Amino acid sequence: MNFGLTDEQELIVSTVRSFVEREIYPHEALVEKTGEVPAEIAQDIKQKCLDLGFYASNFPQSVGGPGLSHLEFALVERELGRGSVALTHFFGRPQNILMACTGDQVDRYLLPAVRGEKMDALAMTEPEAGSDVRGMKCSAVREGGDWVLNGSKHFISGADHADFVVVFVATGVEDTPRGPKKQITCFLVDRGTPGFEIANGYRSVSHRGYKNSILYFDNCRLPDAQVLGVVGSGFEVMNEWLYATRISVATMAVGRARRVFDHALDYAAGRSQFGQPIAKFQGVSFQIADMITEIDAADWLTLAAAWRLDQGLPANREIASAKLYATEMLARVTDATLQIHGGMGLMDDLPIERFWRDARVERIWDGTSEIQRHIISRELFRPLGA
């Protein structure tokens, strides 16, 4: 791995960082106060991203995307991590699972998503099936040549803006050496399809304005043309296209940690107590030293995982390690920054308490820290037969 960035990669970093500072930061206070992203602001961010040529930057040139490498896309996500998730959501990155589209699906879903004409959302989680994906109860059965979906999903990010949803449901049971397991199938479901409802979700303390939704399927009838991939192969589609998305969570955690760290560094240098800057006190200066060391470690761990994908190397353990370490690092950095700010860190006059709240969800979504540890240990023990 070359530890230096090319001139082109440095340009990607500076371009996206400038965009976030210019187009995202000014709106953050409004979104934090209201819990809403005004439609005109959302459209403005989206259009400027399209004009910049960075929309769908996780897609190859063959389908109209910029064709960035995994490493370059990680750099984009790292810089976007500095800004409000509710706002950077419109710096469009459609689910790359849409690359599994075939036939008519390409023109109906894949290409419009890449061009920014349609927005998508991904739906797996259910009230009683979070990390246990095979425990899902939302199901589809064959009836009259169609599929009939029933059940619900929750915690579905971005569904409030989505034109269609990529949803995983149980479509049968298969016998395995470890007992019967549900077969999972992936469907493309358009907003407005009879029997499909997108409802408001829960109020979260993390990432205000970035809403989660509850999806209801009540005898929602879909033809075979809406199946993404092969019936019963939902896990294969998921593993091929979705497992690398954990890098995005890791890289955005690194970007946010660097923004938080800048606040800690500036405050420690400028705040005086007992006649000198608090940076002179070992209790503060050592925290600063630990913070930057952990941020740098998470950064390189994350970029190394993306680099492995570019080289065609196995990266499941490395991606899990990056997601685990970066998100837990962010929690420590935000907490230490709040501590350095003292009581003012908890006041909403400063963005520190927002960074602190926002950091909490990163250890939960896209696979909890416990799931990442399971993946890492499984990858280590499996070759030993344990």
Protein backbone atom coordinates (compact mmCIF):
# COMPACT_ATOMS: atom_id res chain seq x y z
CA MET A 1 0.00 0.00 0.00
CA ASN A 2 1.28 3.45 -0.95
CA PHE A 3 0.78 5.66 2.09
CA GLY A 4 0.77 8.86 0.03
CA LEU A 5 -2.19 10.17 -1.91
CA THR A 6 -1.89 11.02 -5.59
CA ASP A 7 -2.52 14.58 -6.77
CA GLU A 8 -5.94 13.47 -8.01
CA GLN A 9 -6.81 11.94 -4.65
CA GLU A 10 -5.66 15.08 -2.83
CA LEU A 11 -7.95 17.05 -5.14
CA ILE A 12 -10.87 14.77 -4.23
CA VAL A 13 -10.23 15.41 -0.53
CA SER A 14 -9.93 19.19 -0.88
CA THR A 15 -12.96 19.44 -3.20
CA VAL A 16 -15.30 17.47 -0.95
CA ARG A 17 -14.04 19.15 2.22
CA SER A 18 -14.61 22.59 0.69
CA PHE A 19 -18.09 21.51 -0.39
CA VAL A 20 -18.95 20.37 3.15
CA GLU A 21 -17.64 23.56 4.72
CA ARG A 22 -19.40 25.78 2.18
CA GLU A 23 -22.68 23.95 1.52
CA ILE A 24 -23.28 21.84 4.65
CA TYR A 25 -21.95 23.66 7.72
CA PRO A 26 -24.11 26.81 7.24
CA HIS A 27 -27.35 24.78 7.45
CA GLU A 28 -26.48 22.53 10.39
CA ALA A 29 -27.86 24.77 13.14
CA LEU A 30 -31.23 25.04 11.36
CA VAL A 31 -31.51 21.28 10.91
CA GLU A 32 -30.48 20.69 14.52
CA LYS A 33 -33.11 23.15 15.76
CA THR A 34 -36.02 22.04 13.57
CA GLY A 35 -35.21 18.40 12.94
CA GLU A 36 -35.98 18.98 9.28
CA VAL A 37 -34.05 19.54 6.07
CA PRO A 38 -36.00 22.08 4.01
CA ALA A 39 -36.80 20.72 0.55
CA GLU A 40 -35.13 23.64 -1.22
CA ILE A 41 -31.88 23.10 0.71
CA ALA A 42 -31.96 19.36 -0.02
CA GLN A 43 -32.48 19.97 -3.73
CA ASP A 44 -29.75 22.62 -3.80
CA ILE A 45 -27.20 20.26 -2.22
CA LYS A 46 -28.19 17.48 -4.60
CA GLN A 47 -27.94 19.68 -7.69
CA LYS A 48 -24.57 21.12 -6.67
CA CYS A 49 -23.27 17.59 -6.09
CA LEU A 50 -24.47 16.61 -9.57
CA ASP A 51 -22.83 19.71 -11.05
CA LEU A 52 -19.61 18.84 -9.23
CA GLY A 53 -19.62 15.36 -10.77
CA PHE A 54 -19.58 13.53 -7.44
CA TYR A 55 -23.13 12.19 -7.38
CA ALA A 56 -23.21 8.38 -7.11
CA SER A 57 -19.47 8.40 -6.58
CA ASN A 58 -19.64 4.78 -5.43
CA PHE A 59 -20.68 3.63 -8.92
CA PRO A 60 -18.49 2.72 -11.91
CA GLN A 61 -18.25 4.72 -15.11
CA SER A 62 -19.95 1.86 -16.99
CA VAL A 63 -23.29 2.95 -15.50
CA GLY A 64 -22.61 6.68 -15.42
CA GLY A 65 -20.85 7.04 -12.08
CA PRO A 66 -17.50 8.81 -11.55
CA GLY A 67 -15.71 5.45 -11.32
CA LEU A 68 -13.81 6.09 -8.10
CA SER A 69 -11.82 3.29 -6.51
CA HIS A 70 -12.81 1.95 -3.10
CA LEU A 71 -10.00 3.97 -1.57
CA GLU A 72 -11.07 7.17 -3.33
CA PHE A 73 -14.69 6.66 -2.31
CA ALA A 74 -13.51 6.17 1.28
CA LEU A 75 -11.81 9.57 1.03
CA VAL A 76 -15.09 11.11 -0.16
CA GLU A 77 -17.00 9.54 2.73
CA ARG A 78 -14.34 10.61 5.23
CA GLU A 79 -14.79 14.26 4.28
CA LEU A 80 -18.58 13.98 4.22
CA GLY A 81 -18.34 12.62 7.76
CA ARG A 82 -17.40 16.11 8.92
CA GLY A 83 -20.91 17.36 8.17
CA SER A 84 -24.47 16.70 9.27
CA VAL A 85 -25.65 13.32 8.03
CA ALA A 86 -29.11 14.74 7.40
CA LEU A 87 -27.61 17.18 4.90
CA THR A 88 -24.84 15.06 3.36
CA HIS A 89 -27.50 12.44 2.61
CA PHE A 90 -28.30 14.55 -0.46
CA PHE A 91 -24.69 14.33 -1.63
CA GLY A 92 -26.13 11.22 -3.24
CA ARG A 93 -24.63 7.77 -2.76
CA PRO A 94 -27.27 5.24 -3.89
CA GLN A 95 -27.04 1.71 -2.52
CA ASN A 96 -24.49 -0.12 -4.66
CA ILE A 97 -26.65 -3.23 -4.38
CA LEU A 98 -28.45 -1.72 -7.39
CA MET A 99 -25.56 -3.05 -9.47
CA ALA A 100 -27.39 -6.38 -9.14
CA CYS A 101 -30.18 -4.98 -11.37
CA THR A 102 -30.77 -6.86 -14.62
CA GLY A 103 -32.89 -6.36 -17.71
CA ASP A 104 -35.58 -3.71 -17.38
CA GLN A 105 -34.48 -3.01 -13.79
CA VAL A 106 -31.39 -1.23 -15.09
CA ASP A 107 -33.43 1.47 -16.83
CA ARG A 108 -36.10 1.65 -14.11
CA TYR A 109 -33.91 1.75 -11.01
CA LEU A 110 -30.14 1.60 -11.48
CA LEU A 111 -29.58 4.34 -14.04
CA PRO A 112 -32.15 6.80 -12.61
CA ALA A 113 -30.55 6.37 -9.17
CA VAL A 114 -27.08 7.07 -10.55
CA ARG A 115 -28.34 10.13 -12.43
CA GLY A 116 -30.07 11.47 -9.31
CA GLU A 117 -33.54 11.13 -10.81
CA LYS A 118 -34.65 8.65 -8.15
CA MET A 119 -33.58 8.07 -4.55
CA ASP A 120 -33.51 4.69 -2.85
CA ALA A 121 -33.57 3.26 0.68
CA LEU A 122 -32.49 -0.11 2.05
CA ALA A 123 -34.83 -2.11 4.31
CA MET A 124 -33.72 -5.10 6.37
CA THR A 125 -34.23 -4.32 10.07
CA GLU A 126 -37.43 -5.32 11.87
CA PRO A 127 -38.65 -4.77 15.44
CA GLU A 128 -37.74 -8.37 16.35
CA ALA A 129 -34.93 -8.92 13.85
CA GLY A 130 -32.01 -6.52 14.07
CA SER A 131 -28.65 -8.28 13.98
CA ASP A 132 -30.47 -11.60 13.45
CA VAL A 133 -31.42 -10.98 9.83
CA ARG A 134 -32.73 -14.53 9.34
CA GLY A 135 -35.12 -13.90 12.19
CA MET A 136 -37.16 -11.53 10.03
CA LYS A 137 -40.91 -12.07 9.97
CA CYS A 138 -41.74 -9.87 7.00
CA SER A 139 -42.51 -12.41 4.29
CA ALA A 140 -43.72 -12.93 0.75
CA VAL A 141 -45.68 -15.85 -0.68
CA ARG A 142 -46.62 -16.82 -4.22
CA GLU A 143 -50.20 -16.10 -5.16
CA GLY A 144 -51.69 -15.97 -8.63
CA GLY A 145 -48.29 -15.61 -10.31
CA ASP A 146 -47.24 -12.68 -8.11
CA TRP A 147 -45.54 -12.23 -4.76
CA VAL A 148 -47.67 -10.98 -1.87
CA LEU A 149 -45.70 -9.17 0.86
CA ASN A 150 -46.85 -8.80 4.46
CA GLY A 151 -45.09 -7.45 7.52
CA SER A 152 -43.10 -4.40 8.58
CA LYS A 153 -39.61 -2.92 8.72
CA HIS A 154 -38.30 -0.18 10.98
CA PHE A 155 -35.24 2.05 11.40
CA ILE A 156 -35.20 2.53 7.62
CA SER A 157 -32.94 5.51 6.94
CA GLY A 158 -33.80 7.79 4.04
CA ALA A 159 -37.14 6.14 3.27
CA ASP A 160 -38.91 9.48 3.76
CA HIS A 161 -37.19 10.74 0.60
CA ALA A 162 -37.04 7.44 -1.30
CA ASP A 163 -38.76 6.84 -4.61
CA PHE A 164 -38.28 3.11 -4.13
CA VAL A 165 -37.06 0.74 -1.44
CA VAL A 166 -34.75 -2.28 -1.66
CA VAL A 167 -36.38 -4.65 0.82
CA PHE A 168 -35.34 -8.08 2.09
CA VAL A 169 -38.09 -10.52 3.10
CA ALA A 170 -38.44 -14.22 3.92
CA THR A 171 -39.80 -16.30 1.04
CA GLY A 172 -39.44 -19.83 2.33
CA VAL A 173 -37.43 -22.22 4.47
CA GLU A 174 -34.46 -24.38 3.53
CA ASP A 175 -32.95 -27.36 5.34
CA THR A 176 -29.30 -26.96 6.29
CA PRO A 177 -26.84 -29.08 8.32
CA ARG A 178 -27.54 -26.69 11.19
CA GLY A 179 -31.29 -26.99 10.91
CA PRO A 180 -34.00 -25.14 8.95
CA LYS A 181 -33.25 -21.55 7.92
CA LYS A 182 -35.36 -18.94 6.25
CA GLN A 183 -34.72 -18.18 2.61
CA ILE A 184 -34.36 -14.46 1.99
CA THR A 185 -35.29 -12.67 -1.23
CA CYS A 186 -34.65 -9.07 -2.23
CA PHE A 187 -37.39 -6.97 -3.85
CA LEU A 188 -37.58 -3.51 -5.42
CA VAL A 189 -40.73 -1.75 -4.19
CA ASP A 190 -41.88 1.59 -5.59
CA ARG A 191 -43.36 4.30 -3.38
CA GLY A 192 -47.10 4.33 -4.00
CA THR A 193 -47.40 0.61 -4.67
CA PRO A 194 -50.79 -0.55 -3.31
CA GLY A 195 -50.36 -2.18 0.09
CA PHE A 196 -47.05 -0.39 0.78
CA GLU A 197 -46.92 2.45 3.31
CA ILE A 198 -43.99 4.58 4.49
CA ALA A 199 -44.71 5.99 7.95
CA ASN A 200 -42.83 8.27 10.30
CA GLY A 201 -40.38 6.46 12.54
CA TYR A 202 -38.95 7.23 15.95
CA ARG A 203 -37.29 10.39 17.25
CA SER A 204 -33.58 9.76 17.66
CA VAL A 205 -31.08 11.75 19.73
CA SER A 206 -28.46 11.03 17.06
CA HIS A 207 -28.36 12.83 13.69
CA ARG A 208 -31.43 15.03 14.00
CA GLY A 209 -33.07 15.62 10.65
CA TYR A 210 -31.82 12.28 9.30
CA LYS A 211 -35.04 10.39 9.78
CA ASN A 212 -35.81 6.73 10.11
CA SER A 213 -39.11 5.36 8.85
CA ILE A 214 -41.39 2.40 9.46
CA LEU A 215 -42.49 0.43 6.41
CA TYR A 216 -45.75 -1.51 6.32
CA PHE A 217 -46.62 -4.18 3.76
CA ASP A 218 -50.28 -5.24 3.72
CA ASN A 219 -50.95 -7.72 0.92
CA CYS A 220 -48.54 -5.75 -1.25
CA ARG A 221 -48.55 -7.52 -4.60
CA LEU A 222 -45.38 -7.56 -6.73
CA PRO A 223 -44.57 -9.31 -10.01
CA ASP A 224 -41.41 -11.38 -10.54
CA ALA A 225 -39.88 -8.38 -12.32
CA GLN A 226 -39.43 -6.75 -8.89
CA VAL A 227 -37.13 -9.48 -7.58
CA LEU A 228 -33.54 -8.24 -7.32
CA GLY A 229 -31.24 -11.16 -7.95
CA VAL A 230 -32.56 -14.71 -7.67
CA VAL A 231 -35.41 -15.87 -5.46
CA GLY A 232 -34.00 -17.17 -2.19
CA SER A 233 -30.56 -15.67 -2.85
CA GLY A 234 -31.00 -12.51 -0.80
CA PHE A 235 -28.03 -13.32 1.41
CA GLU A 236 -25.79 -13.83 -1.59
CA VAL A 237 -26.85 -10.47 -3.05
CA MET A 238 -26.37 -8.87 0.36
CA ASN A 239 -22.91 -10.31 0.89
CA GLU A 240 -21.72 -9.42 -2.60
CA TRP A 241 -22.80 -5.78 -2.58
CA LEU A 242 -23.44 -4.61 0.98
CA TYR A 243 -20.66 -5.83 3.25
CA ALA A 244 -18.27 -3.09 2.08
CA THR A 245 -20.74 -0.39 3.18
CA ARG A 246 -19.34 -0.76 6.70
CA ILE A 247 -16.28 1.09 5.41
CA SER A 248 -18.50 4.13 4.88
CA VAL A 249 -19.49 4.16 8.55
CA ALA A 250 -15.83 3.84 9.56
CA THR A 251 -14.57 6.58 7.26
CA MET A 252 -17.33 8.99 8.23
CA ALA A 253 -16.49 8.34 11.88
CA VAL A 254 -12.89 9.32 11.15
CA GLY A 255 -13.96 12.51 9.38
CA ARG A 256 -16.25 13.50 12.23
CA ALA A 257 -13.55 12.71 14.79
CA ARG A 258 -11.12 15.04 13.01
CA ARG A 259 -13.66 17.87 13.10
CA VAL A 260 -14.32 17.24 16.80
CA PHE A 261 -10.60 17.08 17.49
CA ASP A 262 -10.07 20.50 15.91
CA HIS A 263 -12.53 21.92 18.45
CA ALA A 264 -10.67 20.24 21.32
CA LEU A 265 -7.28 21.43 20.09
CA ASP A 266 -8.37 25.05 19.60
CA TYR A 267 -10.18 25.19 22.92
CA ALA A 268 -7.26 23.69 24.86
CA ALA A 269 -4.89 26.23 23.30
CA GLY A 270 -7.15 29.21 23.92
CA ARG A 271 -8.79 28.48 27.27
CA SER A 272 -6.82 29.72 30.29
CA GLN A 273 -7.04 28.56 33.90
CA PHE A 274 -4.71 29.40 36.77
CA GLY A 275 -2.93 31.91 34.53
CA GLN A 276 -2.02 29.60 31.64
CA PRO A 277 -3.62 27.71 28.72
CA ILE A 278 -5.20 24.44 29.81
CA ALA A 279 -3.07 22.81 27.09
CA LYS A 280 -0.17 23.22 29.55
CA PHE A 281 -1.82 20.80 31.95
CA GLN A 282 -0.80 17.22 31.46
CA GLY A 283 -4.35 16.01 32.11
CA VAL A 284 -5.45 17.86 28.97
CA SER A 285 -2.37 17.59 26.78
CA PHE A 286 -2.16 13.82 27.21
CA GLN A 287 -5.81 13.49 26.19
CA ILE A 288 -5.06 15.49 23.04
CA ALA A 289 -2.10 13.21 22.28
CA ASP A 290 -4.20 10.08 22.74
CA MET A 291 -7.01 11.47 20.59
CA ILE A 292 -4.89 12.24 17.54
CA THR A 293 -3.10 8.89 17.82
CA GLU A 294 -6.40 7.02 17.81
CA ILE A 295 -7.80 9.09 14.96
CA ASP A 296 -4.74 8.43 12.80
CA ALA A 297 -4.86 4.72 13.64
CA ALA A 298 -8.54 4.50 12.67
CA ASP A 299 -7.88 6.45 9.46
CA TRP A 300 -5.15 4.10 8.27
CA LEU A 301 -7.05 1.00 9.36
CA THR A 302 -10.01 2.16 7.29
CA LEU A 303 -8.04 3.16 4.20
CA ALA A 304 -6.13 -0.12 4.34
CA ALA A 305 -9.41 -2.06 4.24
CA ALA A 306 -10.55 -0.04 1.21
CA TRP A 307 -7.18 -0.62 -0.45
CA ARG A 308 -7.57 -4.39 0.00
CA LEU A 309 -10.87 -4.25 -1.87
CA ASP A 310 -9.15 -2.42 -4.72
CA GLN A 311 -6.53 -5.16 -4.85
CA GLY A 312 -9.16 -7.90 -4.96
CA LEU A 313 -7.98 -9.23 -1.59
CA PRO A 314 -10.21 -10.68 1.14
CA ALA A 315 -11.23 -7.82 3.40
CA ASN A 316 -14.12 -8.98 5.57
CA ARG A 317 -12.09 -9.03 8.79
CA GLU A 318 -10.31 -5.79 7.96
CA ILE A 319 -13.58 -4.01 7.22
CA ALA A 320 -15.08 -5.26 10.48
CA SER A 321 -11.97 -4.12 12.37
CA ALA A 322 -12.17 -0.68 10.78
CA LYS A 323 -15.86 -0.27 11.58
CA LEU A 324 -15.38 -1.47 15.15
CA TYR A 325 -12.33 0.61 15.96
CA ALA A 326 -13.33 3.82 14.16
CA THR A 327 -16.79 4.03 15.72
CA GLU A 328 -15.54 3.28 19.23
CA MET A 329 -12.70 5.75 18.69
CA LEU A 330 -15.24 8.42 17.76
CA ALA A 331 -17.09 7.81 21.02
CA ARG A 332 -13.90 8.28 23.03
CA VAL A 333 -12.84 11.39 21.11
CA THR A 334 -16.22 13.12 21.41
CA ASP A 335 -16.44 12.29 25.09
CA ALA A 336 -12.92 13.58 25.76
CA THR A 337 -13.64 16.75 23.78
CA LEU A 338 -16.75 17.39 25.82
CA GLN A 339 -14.75 16.84 29.02
CA ILE A 340 -12.11 19.33 27.90
CA HIS A 341 -14.83 21.92 27.27
CA GLY A 342 -16.26 21.34 30.74
CA GLY A 343 -19.80 22.49 31.40
CA MET A 344 -20.00 24.45 28.16
CA GLY A 345 -19.53 21.20 26.27
CA LEU A 346 -23.05 20.17 27.28
CA MET A 347 -24.65 23.44 26.21
CA ASP A 348 -26.20 23.72 22.75
CA ASP A 349 -24.42 27.04 22.24
CA LEU A 350 -21.58 24.84 20.97
CA PRO A 351 -21.82 21.85 18.60
CA ILE A 352 -19.92 19.55 21.00
CA GLU A 353 -23.01 18.04 22.61
CA ARG A 354 -24.38 17.33 19.13
CA PHE A 355 -21.20 15.53 18.11
CA TRP A 356 -21.41 13.56 21.35
CA ARG A 357 -25.03 12.50 20.73
CA ASP A 358 -24.45 11.75 17.07
CA ALA A 359 -21.50 9.48 17.85
CA ARG A 360 -23.61 7.05 19.82
CA VAL A 361 -25.49 5.47 16.92
CA GLU A 362 -22.33 4.62 14.96
CA ARG A 363 -21.65 1.61 17.21
CA ILE A 364 -25.13 0.25 16.45
CA TRP A 365 -26.15 0.70 12.82
CA ASP A 366 -24.62 -1.23 9.91
CA GLY A 367 -23.72 -3.97 12.35
CA THR A 368 -23.20 -3.44 16.08
CA SER A 369 -19.76 -3.51 17.68
CA GLU A 370 -20.63 -6.97 18.97
CA ILE A 371 -21.39 -8.19 15.45
CA GLN A 372 -18.06 -6.79 14.20
CA ARG A 373 -16.22 -8.63 16.97
CA HIS A 374 -18.05 -11.80 15.98
CA ILE A 375 -16.99 -11.38 12.35
CA ILE A 376 -13.37 -10.72 13.32
CA SER A 377 -13.10 -13.70 15.67
CA ARG A 378 -14.90 -16.01 13.22
CA GLU A 379 -12.47 -15.08 10.45
CA LEU A 380 -9.53 -15.86 12.76
CA PHE A 381 -10.80 -19.16 14.13
CA ARG A 382 -12.39 -20.62 10.98
CA PRO A 383 -9.05 -21.62 9.33
CA LEU A 384 -8.15 -23.45 12.55
CA GLY A 385 -11.37 -25.47 12.47
CA ALA A 386 -12.61 -23.91 15.69
